[in-house]
N, C-alpha and C. Protein backbone atom coordinates (compact mmCIF):
# COMPACT_ATOMS: atom_id res chain seq x y z
N MET A 1 98.72 94.32 98.05
CA MET A 1 97.31 93.96 98.16
C MET A 1 96.86 94.14 99.60
N ASN A 2 95.72 94.76 99.77
CA ASN A 2 95.20 95.01 101.10
C ASN A 2 94.36 93.82 101.56
N ILE A 3 94.90 93.01 102.46
CA ILE A 3 94.18 91.85 102.97
C ILE A 3 93.72 92.15 104.39
N SER A 4 92.44 92.44 104.54
CA SER A 4 91.91 92.78 105.86
C SER A 4 91.71 91.53 106.68
N GLN A 5 91.66 91.70 107.99
CA GLN A 5 91.55 90.55 108.87
C GLN A 5 90.16 90.41 109.50
N THR A 6 89.37 91.46 109.50
CA THR A 6 88.08 91.42 110.17
C THR A 6 86.97 91.16 109.17
N PRO A 7 86.26 90.03 109.26
CA PRO A 7 85.19 89.75 108.30
C PRO A 7 84.04 90.73 108.47
N VAL A 8 83.42 91.05 107.36
CA VAL A 8 82.26 91.94 107.34
C VAL A 8 81.11 91.20 106.69
N VAL A 9 79.93 91.28 107.27
CA VAL A 9 78.76 90.67 106.68
C VAL A 9 77.99 91.75 105.93
N PRO A 10 78.05 91.75 104.57
CA PRO A 10 77.31 92.75 103.82
C PRO A 10 75.83 92.43 103.81
N SER A 11 75.01 93.44 103.60
CA SER A 11 73.57 93.21 103.53
C SER A 11 72.94 94.26 102.65
N ASN A 12 71.73 93.96 102.14
CA ASN A 12 70.92 94.96 101.49
C ASN A 12 69.62 95.05 102.28
N ALA A 13 68.62 95.63 101.68
CA ALA A 13 67.39 95.88 102.43
C ALA A 13 66.73 94.60 102.91
N SER A 14 66.93 93.49 102.20
CA SER A 14 66.17 92.30 102.55
C SER A 14 67.01 91.07 102.81
N HIS A 15 68.34 91.14 102.62
CA HIS A 15 69.17 89.95 102.75
C HIS A 15 70.44 90.24 103.54
N ALA A 16 70.87 89.27 104.30
CA ALA A 16 72.20 89.30 104.89
C ALA A 16 72.91 88.04 104.39
N VAL A 17 74.09 88.19 103.85
CA VAL A 17 74.79 87.05 103.29
C VAL A 17 76.16 86.95 103.94
N PRO A 18 76.67 85.73 104.08
CA PRO A 18 77.91 85.53 104.83
C PRO A 18 79.17 85.74 104.00
N ILE A 19 79.26 86.84 103.27
CA ILE A 19 80.45 87.14 102.49
C ILE A 19 81.30 88.14 103.26
N ALA A 20 82.52 87.74 103.58
CA ALA A 20 83.41 88.66 104.28
C ALA A 20 84.04 89.65 103.32
N ARG A 21 84.42 89.20 102.14
CA ARG A 21 85.08 90.09 101.18
C ARG A 21 85.13 89.43 99.81
N VAL A 22 85.28 90.27 98.81
CA VAL A 22 85.42 89.84 97.42
C VAL A 22 86.80 90.27 96.93
N PHE A 23 87.53 89.37 96.32
CA PHE A 23 88.82 89.69 95.72
C PHE A 23 88.56 90.05 94.26
N ASP A 24 88.81 91.30 93.93
CA ASP A 24 88.32 91.90 92.70
C ASP A 24 89.46 92.52 91.91
N ASN A 25 89.21 92.77 90.64
CA ASN A 25 90.14 93.52 89.80
C ASN A 25 89.33 94.33 88.81
N ASP A 26 89.64 95.61 88.67
CA ASP A 26 88.84 96.50 87.85
C ASP A 26 88.90 96.21 86.37
N ARG A 27 89.95 95.52 85.91
CA ARG A 27 90.10 95.28 84.47
C ARG A 27 89.71 93.87 84.05
N SER A 28 89.56 92.98 85.00
CA SER A 28 89.29 91.57 84.69
C SER A 28 87.85 91.37 84.22
N SER A 29 87.68 90.68 83.09
CA SER A 29 86.32 90.39 82.62
C SER A 29 85.64 89.36 83.51
N ALA A 30 86.42 88.45 84.10
CA ALA A 30 85.84 87.48 85.01
C ALA A 30 85.32 88.16 86.27
N ALA A 31 86.10 89.10 86.80
CA ALA A 31 85.64 89.84 87.97
C ALA A 31 84.42 90.71 87.64
N TYR A 32 84.38 91.22 86.43
CA TYR A 32 83.21 91.98 85.97
C TYR A 32 81.95 91.14 86.06
N ARG A 33 82.04 89.86 85.71
CA ARG A 33 80.87 88.97 85.82
C ARG A 33 80.31 88.98 87.24
N LEU A 34 81.21 88.84 88.21
CA LEU A 34 80.75 88.77 89.59
C LEU A 34 80.16 90.10 90.04
N ARG A 35 80.76 91.21 89.62
CA ARG A 35 80.20 92.51 89.99
C ARG A 35 78.78 92.68 89.44
N ILE A 36 78.55 92.20 88.22
CA ILE A 36 77.20 92.26 87.65
C ILE A 36 76.24 91.47 88.53
N ALA A 37 76.61 90.25 88.87
CA ALA A 37 75.73 89.40 89.68
C ALA A 37 75.44 90.02 91.03
N LEU A 38 76.46 90.56 91.67
CA LEU A 38 76.26 91.20 92.98
C LEU A 38 75.32 92.40 92.85
N HIS A 39 75.46 93.18 91.80
CA HIS A 39 74.58 94.33 91.59
C HIS A 39 73.15 93.87 91.38
N LEU A 40 72.96 92.84 90.56
CA LEU A 40 71.61 92.33 90.33
C LEU A 40 70.97 91.84 91.63
N LYS A 41 71.78 91.27 92.51
CA LYS A 41 71.29 90.78 93.79
C LYS A 41 71.24 91.87 94.86
N GLN A 42 71.63 93.10 94.49
CA GLN A 42 71.66 94.24 95.41
C GLN A 42 72.54 93.96 96.62
N LEU A 43 73.70 93.40 96.35
CA LEU A 43 74.69 93.10 97.39
C LEU A 43 75.93 93.95 97.16
N ASP A 44 76.51 94.44 98.22
CA ASP A 44 77.68 95.30 98.11
C ASP A 44 78.71 94.94 99.18
N PRO A 45 79.35 93.77 99.04
CA PRO A 45 80.34 93.36 100.04
C PRO A 45 81.64 94.14 99.90
N LYS A 46 82.46 94.03 100.92
CA LYS A 46 83.78 94.67 100.91
C LYS A 46 84.64 94.07 99.79
N ARG A 47 85.38 94.92 99.10
CA ARG A 47 86.23 94.46 98.01
C ARG A 47 87.70 94.67 98.36
N ASP A 48 88.49 93.65 98.11
CA ASP A 48 89.94 93.74 98.23
C ASP A 48 90.51 93.69 96.82
N PRO A 49 91.19 94.74 96.36
CA PRO A 49 91.73 94.75 95.01
C PRO A 49 92.93 93.81 94.86
N VAL A 50 92.98 93.12 93.74
CA VAL A 50 94.09 92.24 93.40
C VAL A 50 94.63 92.70 92.05
N VAL A 51 95.91 93.02 91.99
CA VAL A 51 96.53 93.47 90.75
C VAL A 51 96.97 92.25 89.95
N ILE A 52 96.58 92.20 88.67
CA ILE A 52 96.89 91.02 87.85
C ILE A 52 97.74 91.35 86.63
N HIS A 53 98.13 92.62 86.45
CA HIS A 53 98.92 93.00 85.29
C HIS A 53 100.22 93.69 85.74
N GLY A 54 101.27 93.45 84.98
CA GLY A 54 102.49 94.22 85.13
C GLY A 54 103.34 93.86 86.33
N ALA A 55 104.35 94.69 86.55
CA ALA A 55 105.33 94.45 87.61
C ALA A 55 104.72 94.54 89.00
N ALA A 56 103.61 95.26 89.12
CA ALA A 56 102.98 95.43 90.43
C ALA A 56 101.96 94.34 90.75
N ALA A 57 101.88 93.31 89.91
CA ALA A 57 100.88 92.24 90.10
C ALA A 57 101.04 91.59 91.48
N THR A 58 99.91 91.39 92.13
CA THR A 58 99.93 90.78 93.47
C THR A 58 99.26 89.40 93.49
N HIS A 59 98.67 88.99 92.37
CA HIS A 59 97.91 87.74 92.40
C HIS A 59 98.79 86.51 92.54
N ARG A 60 100.08 86.63 92.26
CA ARG A 60 100.98 85.48 92.40
C ARG A 60 101.80 85.53 93.69
N GLU A 61 101.56 86.52 94.51
CA GLU A 61 102.26 86.58 95.79
C GLU A 61 101.75 85.48 96.72
N PRO A 62 102.61 85.00 97.62
CA PRO A 62 102.20 83.90 98.51
C PRO A 62 100.95 84.20 99.32
N VAL A 63 100.74 85.45 99.72
CA VAL A 63 99.59 85.75 100.56
C VAL A 63 98.29 85.50 99.80
N TYR A 64 98.25 85.85 98.51
CA TYR A 64 97.03 85.59 97.75
C TYR A 64 96.93 84.13 97.32
N ALA A 65 98.07 83.51 97.01
CA ALA A 65 98.06 82.08 96.67
C ALA A 65 97.54 81.25 97.84
N GLY A 66 97.77 81.73 99.06
CA GLY A 66 97.24 81.04 100.23
C GLY A 66 95.74 81.18 100.37
N ILE A 67 95.17 82.19 99.73
CA ILE A 67 93.72 82.39 99.75
C ILE A 67 93.07 81.65 98.60
N ASN A 68 93.59 81.86 97.39
CA ASN A 68 93.05 81.22 96.20
C ASN A 68 94.16 80.42 95.54
N PRO A 69 94.13 79.09 95.63
CA PRO A 69 95.22 78.28 95.09
C PRO A 69 95.45 78.49 93.60
N GLN A 70 94.40 78.90 92.85
CA GLN A 70 94.57 79.15 91.43
C GLN A 70 95.22 80.50 91.14
N ARG A 71 95.22 81.38 92.15
CA ARG A 71 95.80 82.72 92.02
C ARG A 71 95.13 83.53 90.91
N LEU A 72 93.82 83.35 90.80
CA LEU A 72 93.03 84.07 89.81
C LEU A 72 91.99 84.94 90.51
N VAL A 73 91.37 85.84 89.74
CA VAL A 73 90.25 86.61 90.24
C VAL A 73 89.03 86.31 89.38
N PRO A 74 87.85 86.45 90.00
CA PRO A 74 87.59 86.84 91.38
C PRO A 74 87.57 85.64 92.30
N ALA A 75 87.46 85.93 93.58
CA ALA A 75 87.21 84.92 94.60
C ALA A 75 86.42 85.61 95.71
N ILE A 76 85.69 84.84 96.47
CA ILE A 76 85.01 85.40 97.64
C ILE A 76 85.40 84.59 98.86
N GLU A 77 85.51 85.30 99.98
CA GLU A 77 85.76 84.64 101.26
C GLU A 77 84.53 84.81 102.13
N LEU A 78 84.04 83.71 102.67
CA LEU A 78 82.89 83.74 103.56
C LEU A 78 83.35 84.04 104.98
N VAL A 79 82.41 84.37 105.83
CA VAL A 79 82.77 84.76 107.20
C VAL A 79 83.38 83.60 107.98
N ASP A 80 83.14 82.36 107.55
CA ASP A 80 83.74 81.23 108.26
C ASP A 80 85.11 80.87 107.70
N GLY A 81 85.61 81.68 106.75
CA GLY A 81 86.92 81.44 106.18
C GLY A 81 86.92 80.65 104.89
N THR A 82 85.77 80.08 104.50
CA THR A 82 85.68 79.34 103.25
C THR A 82 85.91 80.28 102.07
N VAL A 83 86.73 79.85 101.12
CA VAL A 83 86.96 80.64 99.91
C VAL A 83 86.34 79.92 98.73
N LEU A 84 85.55 80.66 97.96
CA LEU A 84 84.93 80.13 96.75
C LEU A 84 85.56 80.81 95.54
N THR A 85 85.85 80.00 94.51
CA THR A 85 86.48 80.50 93.30
C THR A 85 85.64 80.08 92.09
N GLN A 86 86.02 80.61 90.93
CA GLN A 86 85.36 80.36 89.65
C GLN A 86 83.98 81.03 89.62
N THR A 87 83.80 81.92 88.65
CA THR A 87 82.61 82.76 88.66
C THR A 87 81.32 81.98 88.51
N LEU A 88 81.31 80.93 87.71
CA LEU A 88 80.06 80.17 87.58
C LEU A 88 79.64 79.59 88.91
N ALA A 89 80.59 79.02 89.65
CA ALA A 89 80.28 78.44 90.95
C ALA A 89 79.84 79.51 91.95
N ILE A 90 80.53 80.65 91.96
CA ILE A 90 80.18 81.72 92.90
C ILE A 90 78.80 82.28 92.60
N ILE A 91 78.51 82.50 91.32
CA ILE A 91 77.22 83.09 90.95
C ILE A 91 76.08 82.14 91.27
N GLU A 92 76.27 80.86 91.04
CA GLU A 92 75.21 79.91 91.41
C GLU A 92 75.06 79.83 92.92
N TYR A 93 76.14 79.98 93.66
CA TYR A 93 76.05 80.05 95.12
C TYR A 93 75.21 81.24 95.53
N LEU A 94 75.47 82.41 94.94
CA LEU A 94 74.69 83.61 95.25
C LEU A 94 73.22 83.40 94.91
N ASP A 95 72.97 82.71 93.81
CA ASP A 95 71.58 82.51 93.38
C ASP A 95 70.83 81.61 94.36
N GLU A 96 71.52 80.65 94.94
CA GLU A 96 70.89 79.80 95.95
C GLU A 96 70.67 80.57 97.25
N LEU A 97 71.62 81.44 97.57
CA LEU A 97 71.55 82.17 98.84
C LEU A 97 70.53 83.30 98.78
N VAL A 98 70.49 83.99 97.66
CA VAL A 98 69.58 85.13 97.47
C VAL A 98 68.75 84.84 96.22
N PRO A 99 67.59 84.22 96.37
CA PRO A 99 66.86 83.71 95.21
C PRO A 99 66.32 84.78 94.26
N ALA A 100 66.12 86.00 94.74
CA ALA A 100 65.52 87.03 93.88
C ALA A 100 66.49 88.18 93.65
N PRO A 101 66.61 88.63 92.41
CA PRO A 101 66.01 88.03 91.21
C PRO A 101 66.79 86.78 90.79
N PRO A 102 66.11 85.78 90.24
CA PRO A 102 66.83 84.56 89.84
C PRO A 102 67.74 84.81 88.66
N LEU A 103 68.89 84.19 88.67
CA LEU A 103 69.85 84.33 87.58
C LEU A 103 69.82 83.15 86.62
N LEU A 104 69.02 82.16 86.93
CA LEU A 104 68.79 81.03 86.03
C LEU A 104 67.30 80.99 85.69
N PRO A 105 66.95 80.71 84.43
CA PRO A 105 65.54 80.72 84.04
C PRO A 105 64.78 79.52 84.59
N LYS A 106 63.47 79.57 84.46
CA LYS A 106 62.63 78.46 84.87
C LYS A 106 62.75 77.32 83.86
N GLY A 107 62.66 76.11 84.36
CA GLY A 107 62.69 74.95 83.48
C GLY A 107 64.09 74.39 83.32
N ALA A 108 64.20 73.07 83.41
CA ALA A 108 65.51 72.42 83.36
C ALA A 108 66.21 72.67 82.03
N ALA A 109 65.47 72.61 80.92
CA ALA A 109 66.09 72.81 79.61
C ALA A 109 66.60 74.23 79.45
N ALA A 110 65.81 75.21 79.90
CA ALA A 110 66.24 76.61 79.80
C ALA A 110 67.46 76.87 80.68
N ARG A 111 67.49 76.27 81.87
CA ARG A 111 68.66 76.44 82.73
C ARG A 111 69.91 75.84 82.10
N ALA A 112 69.74 74.65 81.48
CA ALA A 112 70.88 74.03 80.81
C ALA A 112 71.34 74.88 79.64
N ALA A 113 70.41 75.49 78.92
CA ALA A 113 70.78 76.36 77.80
C ALA A 113 71.56 77.57 78.30
N ALA A 114 71.10 78.16 79.39
CA ALA A 114 71.80 79.32 79.95
C ALA A 114 73.21 78.94 80.38
N ARG A 115 73.33 77.79 81.03
CA ARG A 115 74.67 77.34 81.45
C ARG A 115 75.54 77.05 80.23
N SER A 116 74.96 76.55 79.15
CA SER A 116 75.76 76.23 77.97
C SER A 116 76.38 77.49 77.38
N VAL A 117 75.64 78.59 77.38
CA VAL A 117 76.19 79.85 76.88
C VAL A 117 77.29 80.34 77.82
N ALA A 118 77.03 80.29 79.13
CA ALA A 118 78.03 80.73 80.10
C ALA A 118 79.31 79.91 79.99
N LEU A 119 79.16 78.60 79.85
CA LEU A 119 80.33 77.73 79.77
C LEU A 119 81.07 77.89 78.44
N ALA A 120 80.34 78.18 77.37
CA ALA A 120 80.99 78.42 76.09
C ALA A 120 81.93 79.61 76.19
N VAL A 121 81.52 80.63 76.94
CA VAL A 121 82.38 81.79 77.16
C VAL A 121 83.51 81.44 78.12
N ALA A 122 83.16 80.87 79.26
CA ALA A 122 84.14 80.65 80.33
C ALA A 122 85.20 79.63 79.95
N CYS A 123 84.81 78.59 79.21
CA CYS A 123 85.73 77.48 78.92
C CYS A 123 86.35 77.55 77.54
N ASP A 124 85.61 78.07 76.55
CA ASP A 124 86.06 77.98 75.17
C ASP A 124 86.55 79.30 74.58
N ILE A 125 86.35 80.42 75.30
CA ILE A 125 86.81 81.71 74.79
C ILE A 125 87.73 82.40 75.79
N HIS A 126 87.24 82.59 77.00
CA HIS A 126 87.98 83.39 77.99
C HIS A 126 89.43 82.95 78.20
N PRO A 127 89.73 81.64 78.29
CA PRO A 127 91.12 81.25 78.59
C PRO A 127 92.13 81.74 77.56
N PHE A 128 91.70 81.93 76.31
CA PHE A 128 92.65 82.33 75.28
C PHE A 128 93.09 83.78 75.40
N GLY A 129 92.38 84.58 76.18
CA GLY A 129 92.72 85.99 76.28
C GLY A 129 93.23 86.42 77.63
N THR A 130 93.59 85.50 78.49
CA THR A 130 94.04 85.87 79.82
C THR A 130 95.49 86.34 79.82
N PRO A 131 95.86 87.20 80.79
CA PRO A 131 97.25 87.69 80.83
C PRO A 131 98.29 86.59 80.92
N ARG A 132 98.00 85.52 81.66
CA ARG A 132 99.02 84.49 81.82
C ARG A 132 99.28 83.74 80.51
N VAL A 133 98.22 83.57 79.69
CA VAL A 133 98.40 82.92 78.40
C VAL A 133 99.20 83.82 77.46
N GLY A 134 98.84 85.11 77.43
CA GLY A 134 99.59 86.04 76.59
C GLY A 134 101.04 86.14 77.00
N LEU A 135 101.29 86.11 78.31
CA LEU A 135 102.67 86.18 78.81
C LEU A 135 103.46 84.95 78.37
N TYR A 136 102.83 83.78 78.46
CA TYR A 136 103.51 82.55 78.04
C TYR A 136 103.83 82.57 76.55
N LEU A 137 102.85 82.99 75.75
CA LEU A 137 103.07 83.03 74.30
C LEU A 137 104.19 83.99 73.94
N GLY A 138 104.27 85.11 74.67
CA GLY A 138 105.31 86.09 74.38
C GLY A 138 106.67 85.69 74.90
N GLU A 139 106.73 85.32 76.17
CA GLU A 139 108.03 85.10 76.81
C GLU A 139 108.58 83.70 76.58
N THR A 140 107.71 82.70 76.55
CA THR A 140 108.18 81.32 76.43
C THR A 140 108.11 80.82 75.00
N ALA A 141 107.00 81.07 74.32
CA ALA A 141 106.87 80.61 72.94
C ALA A 141 107.52 81.57 71.95
N GLY A 142 107.86 82.78 72.41
CA GLY A 142 108.61 83.70 71.58
C GLY A 142 107.81 84.43 70.53
N LEU A 143 106.49 84.52 70.70
CA LEU A 143 105.68 85.24 69.73
C LEU A 143 105.76 86.74 69.97
N ALA A 144 105.79 87.49 68.89
CA ALA A 144 105.75 88.95 68.99
C ALA A 144 104.37 89.39 69.46
N ALA A 145 104.31 90.62 69.97
CA ALA A 145 103.04 91.12 70.51
C ALA A 145 101.92 91.07 69.49
N ASP A 146 102.20 91.42 68.23
CA ASP A 146 101.17 91.38 67.19
C ASP A 146 100.69 89.95 66.94
N ALA A 147 101.61 89.00 67.00
CA ALA A 147 101.24 87.60 66.78
C ALA A 147 100.38 87.09 67.93
N VAL A 148 100.69 87.49 69.16
CA VAL A 148 99.88 87.10 70.31
C VAL A 148 98.46 87.66 70.16
N ARG A 149 98.37 88.91 69.74
CA ARG A 149 97.07 89.54 69.55
C ARG A 149 96.28 88.83 68.45
N ASP A 150 96.94 88.49 67.35
CA ASP A 150 96.26 87.79 66.26
C ASP A 150 95.79 86.42 66.70
N TRP A 151 96.61 85.73 67.47
CA TRP A 151 96.25 84.41 68.00
C TRP A 151 95.01 84.52 68.90
N THR A 152 95.01 85.51 69.76
CA THR A 152 93.88 85.72 70.66
C THR A 152 92.62 86.08 69.86
N ARG A 153 92.77 86.98 68.90
CA ARG A 153 91.62 87.39 68.08
C ARG A 153 91.01 86.19 67.34
N HIS A 154 91.86 85.30 66.87
CA HIS A 154 91.32 84.12 66.16
C HIS A 154 90.38 83.33 67.05
N TRP A 155 90.82 83.05 68.27
CA TRP A 155 90.03 82.18 69.14
C TRP A 155 88.81 82.90 69.70
N VAL A 156 88.94 84.18 69.98
CA VAL A 156 87.78 84.95 70.45
C VAL A 156 86.74 85.04 69.33
N GLY A 157 87.19 85.31 68.11
CA GLY A 157 86.25 85.39 67.00
C GLY A 157 85.55 84.08 66.73
N GLU A 158 86.32 83.00 66.72
CA GLU A 158 85.72 81.68 66.49
C GLU A 158 84.76 81.32 67.61
N GLY A 159 85.14 81.65 68.85
CA GLY A 159 84.27 81.33 69.98
C GLY A 159 82.97 82.10 69.94
N LEU A 160 83.02 83.39 69.61
CA LEU A 160 81.79 84.17 69.55
C LEU A 160 80.93 83.78 68.36
N ASP A 161 81.54 83.28 67.29
CA ASP A 161 80.74 82.71 66.20
C ASP A 161 79.85 81.59 66.74
N SER A 162 80.43 80.74 67.58
CA SER A 162 79.67 79.62 68.16
C SER A 162 78.61 80.11 69.13
N VAL A 163 78.95 81.12 69.94
CA VAL A 163 77.98 81.64 70.90
C VAL A 163 76.81 82.30 70.16
N GLU A 164 77.08 82.97 69.06
CA GLU A 164 76.00 83.55 68.24
C GLU A 164 75.00 82.45 67.83
N ARG A 165 75.53 81.31 67.41
CA ARG A 165 74.65 80.21 67.00
C ARG A 165 73.90 79.64 68.20
N LEU A 166 74.57 79.55 69.33
CA LEU A 166 73.92 79.03 70.54
C LEU A 166 72.76 79.92 70.98
N VAL A 167 73.01 81.22 71.02
CA VAL A 167 71.98 82.15 71.45
C VAL A 167 70.82 82.15 70.45
N ALA A 168 71.13 82.07 69.17
CA ALA A 168 70.07 81.99 68.16
C ALA A 168 69.19 80.77 68.39
N LEU A 169 69.79 79.70 68.84
CA LEU A 169 69.06 78.45 69.06
C LEU A 169 68.15 78.52 70.28
N HIS A 170 68.58 79.24 71.32
CA HIS A 170 67.88 79.18 72.61
C HIS A 170 67.13 80.45 72.99
N ARG A 171 67.37 81.54 72.32
CA ARG A 171 66.82 82.83 72.75
C ARG A 171 65.31 82.90 72.58
N LYS A 172 64.64 83.35 73.65
CA LYS A 172 63.19 83.49 73.61
C LYS A 172 62.75 84.82 74.22
N GLY A 173 63.63 85.80 74.24
CA GLY A 173 63.29 87.08 74.84
C GLY A 173 64.28 88.15 74.45
N ARG A 174 64.32 89.22 75.22
CA ARG A 174 65.15 90.38 74.92
C ARG A 174 66.63 90.09 75.10
N TYR A 175 66.95 89.24 76.07
CA TYR A 175 68.35 88.99 76.40
C TYR A 175 68.79 87.64 75.83
N ALA A 176 69.86 87.07 76.33
CA ALA A 176 70.44 85.89 75.69
C ALA A 176 69.50 84.69 75.72
N ILE A 177 68.73 84.56 76.78
CA ILE A 177 67.81 83.41 76.90
C ILE A 177 66.35 83.87 76.93
N ASP A 178 66.05 84.82 77.81
CA ASP A 178 64.66 85.27 77.92
C ASP A 178 64.61 86.76 78.23
N ASP A 179 63.52 87.19 78.86
CA ASP A 179 63.32 88.62 79.10
C ASP A 179 63.89 89.11 80.42
N ALA A 180 64.61 88.28 81.13
CA ALA A 180 65.27 88.69 82.37
C ALA A 180 66.77 88.44 82.22
N PRO A 181 67.60 89.38 82.61
CA PRO A 181 69.05 89.13 82.53
C PRO A 181 69.44 88.02 83.48
N GLY A 182 70.28 87.13 83.00
CA GLY A 182 70.67 85.99 83.82
C GLY A 182 72.10 85.57 83.58
N ILE A 183 72.39 84.34 83.92
CA ILE A 183 73.78 83.90 83.95
C ILE A 183 74.41 83.91 82.56
N ALA A 184 73.64 83.62 81.51
CA ALA A 184 74.20 83.68 80.16
C ALA A 184 74.63 85.11 79.82
N ASP A 185 73.81 86.07 80.18
CA ASP A 185 74.12 87.48 79.92
C ASP A 185 75.31 87.95 80.74
N ILE A 186 75.40 87.48 81.97
CA ILE A 186 76.49 87.86 82.86
C ILE A 186 77.84 87.45 82.28
N PHE A 187 77.88 86.35 81.55
CA PHE A 187 79.12 85.91 80.92
C PHE A 187 79.30 86.55 79.54
N LEU A 188 78.21 86.79 78.85
CA LEU A 188 78.30 87.32 77.50
C LEU A 188 78.79 88.77 77.47
N ALA A 189 78.24 89.64 78.31
CA ALA A 189 78.57 91.06 78.24
C ALA A 189 80.06 91.34 78.46
N PRO A 190 80.71 90.76 79.47
CA PRO A 190 82.15 90.99 79.62
C PRO A 190 82.97 90.48 78.43
N GLN A 191 82.56 89.33 77.87
CA GLN A 191 83.32 88.82 76.73
C GLN A 191 83.15 89.71 75.51
N ALA A 192 81.98 90.32 75.35
CA ALA A 192 81.77 91.27 74.25
C ALA A 192 82.70 92.46 74.41
N LEU A 193 82.88 92.92 75.64
CA LEU A 193 83.79 94.04 75.89
C LEU A 193 85.23 93.66 75.54
N VAL A 194 85.63 92.46 75.88
CA VAL A 194 86.97 91.98 75.51
C VAL A 194 87.12 91.97 73.99
N ALA A 195 86.09 91.50 73.29
CA ALA A 195 86.15 91.47 71.82
C ALA A 195 86.34 92.87 71.25
N GLU A 196 85.63 93.83 71.83
CA GLU A 196 85.78 95.21 71.37
C GLU A 196 87.19 95.74 71.65
N ARG A 197 87.75 95.39 72.79
CA ARG A 197 89.12 95.79 73.10
C ARG A 197 90.11 95.23 72.07
N LEU A 198 89.77 94.07 71.52
CA LEU A 198 90.63 93.43 70.52
C LEU A 198 90.37 93.95 69.12
N GLY A 199 89.47 94.91 69.00
CA GLY A 199 89.22 95.53 67.71
C GLY A 199 88.08 94.97 66.91
N PHE A 200 87.30 94.07 67.49
CA PHE A 200 86.16 93.52 66.78
C PHE A 200 85.00 94.51 66.76
N ASP A 201 84.24 94.50 65.70
CA ASP A 201 82.95 95.18 65.62
C ASP A 201 81.88 94.15 65.98
N LEU A 202 81.11 94.42 67.03
CA LEU A 202 80.10 93.45 67.45
C LEU A 202 79.06 93.20 66.37
N GLY A 203 78.99 94.07 65.37
CA GLY A 203 78.07 93.84 64.26
C GLY A 203 78.33 92.54 63.52
N ARG A 204 79.50 91.97 63.69
CA ARG A 204 79.79 90.65 63.11
C ARG A 204 78.83 89.60 63.65
N TRP A 205 78.33 89.84 64.87
CA TRP A 205 77.40 88.91 65.52
C TRP A 205 76.11 89.67 65.84
N PRO A 206 75.19 89.80 64.89
CA PRO A 206 74.04 90.70 65.06
C PRO A 206 73.14 90.35 66.25
N ILE A 207 72.99 89.07 66.54
CA ILE A 207 72.14 88.69 67.69
C ILE A 207 72.83 89.09 68.98
N LEU A 208 74.10 88.77 69.10
CA LEU A 208 74.84 89.13 70.30
C LEU A 208 74.90 90.64 70.46
N ALA A 209 75.09 91.36 69.35
CA ALA A 209 75.15 92.82 69.42
C ALA A 209 73.84 93.39 69.95
N GLU A 210 72.73 92.83 69.52
CA GLU A 210 71.41 93.29 69.99
C GLU A 210 71.25 93.02 71.47
N VAL A 211 71.64 91.82 71.90
CA VAL A 211 71.54 91.46 73.32
C VAL A 211 72.42 92.37 74.16
N VAL A 212 73.66 92.55 73.75
CA VAL A 212 74.61 93.35 74.52
C VAL A 212 74.16 94.80 74.61
N ALA A 213 73.61 95.33 73.53
CA ALA A 213 73.11 96.71 73.56
C ALA A 213 72.01 96.86 74.60
N SER A 214 71.14 95.86 74.70
CA SER A 214 70.07 95.90 75.72
C SER A 214 70.65 95.78 77.12
N LEU A 215 71.64 94.93 77.29
CA LEU A 215 72.26 94.75 78.61
C LEU A 215 72.95 96.02 79.07
N ARG A 216 73.60 96.72 78.16
CA ARG A 216 74.35 97.91 78.54
C ARG A 216 73.45 99.06 78.98
N ARG A 217 72.17 98.93 78.77
CA ARG A 217 71.24 99.94 79.28
C ARG A 217 70.83 99.65 80.72
N LEU A 218 71.24 98.50 81.25
CA LEU A 218 70.90 98.13 82.62
C LEU A 218 72.01 98.58 83.57
N PRO A 219 71.66 99.21 84.71
CA PRO A 219 72.69 99.67 85.66
C PRO A 219 73.64 98.58 86.12
N ALA A 220 73.13 97.36 86.30
CA ALA A 220 73.99 96.28 86.78
C ALA A 220 75.15 96.02 85.83
N PHE A 221 74.95 96.29 84.55
CA PHE A 221 75.99 96.05 83.56
C PHE A 221 76.80 97.32 83.29
N SER A 222 76.16 98.46 83.26
CA SER A 222 76.87 99.71 82.94
C SER A 222 77.67 100.26 84.13
N GLU A 223 77.13 100.14 85.33
CA GLU A 223 77.78 100.75 86.49
C GLU A 223 78.92 99.91 87.05
N THR A 224 79.02 98.67 86.63
CA THR A 224 80.06 97.77 87.15
C THR A 224 81.14 97.49 86.13
N ALA A 225 81.02 98.09 84.93
CA ALA A 225 81.94 97.77 83.83
C ALA A 225 83.35 98.26 84.13
N PRO A 226 84.36 97.58 83.57
CA PRO A 226 85.73 98.07 83.73
C PRO A 226 85.89 99.45 83.12
N ALA A 227 86.82 100.20 83.64
CA ALA A 227 87.10 101.53 83.10
C ALA A 227 87.60 101.40 81.68
């Protein structure tokens, strides 16, 4: 892992933000969330790649554990050395720092609804499909690869069933909540991609499929997607 020592202050045409670097991974759906948010905010900070799969994984090495105690991606380091982790926290930090375009809708109830969709993905779906969980199920619990995949598919499918109902309850526009892409969409689109990788047809969730199709036409979502 390339850990640079000199902080860089990224900027766009109208903002300077105190981010020295972003710890990123091209395949991680969580890291994809942050890339979407940075694109929407027109920010392009320096990225340090962190490998999270296979024998070459660097996320559990002491040097990265010293940066992010959870040893997960993504994380951001500020120019003063502060490290922020967890995508919901980082994205809300960016939204406070760079208010336009806003990633949370107007109104307390709408903001709570947007967070509820994001948290349903982050807390109730995403953990079941992470590499460390799959590794534990395979190596420690002794499940075969097909059984691990079936276990993951069960929880992803059940979770997206719930998110479909949540979005149906709160949606008032083109995207998950309203007519501007926001934090609910930032969490939804990467999880939809994970579902497709697991062999799901998004048509099982017609509302989510419609929302995701609209999101994928936006550069912030298409240009930052994992390979």
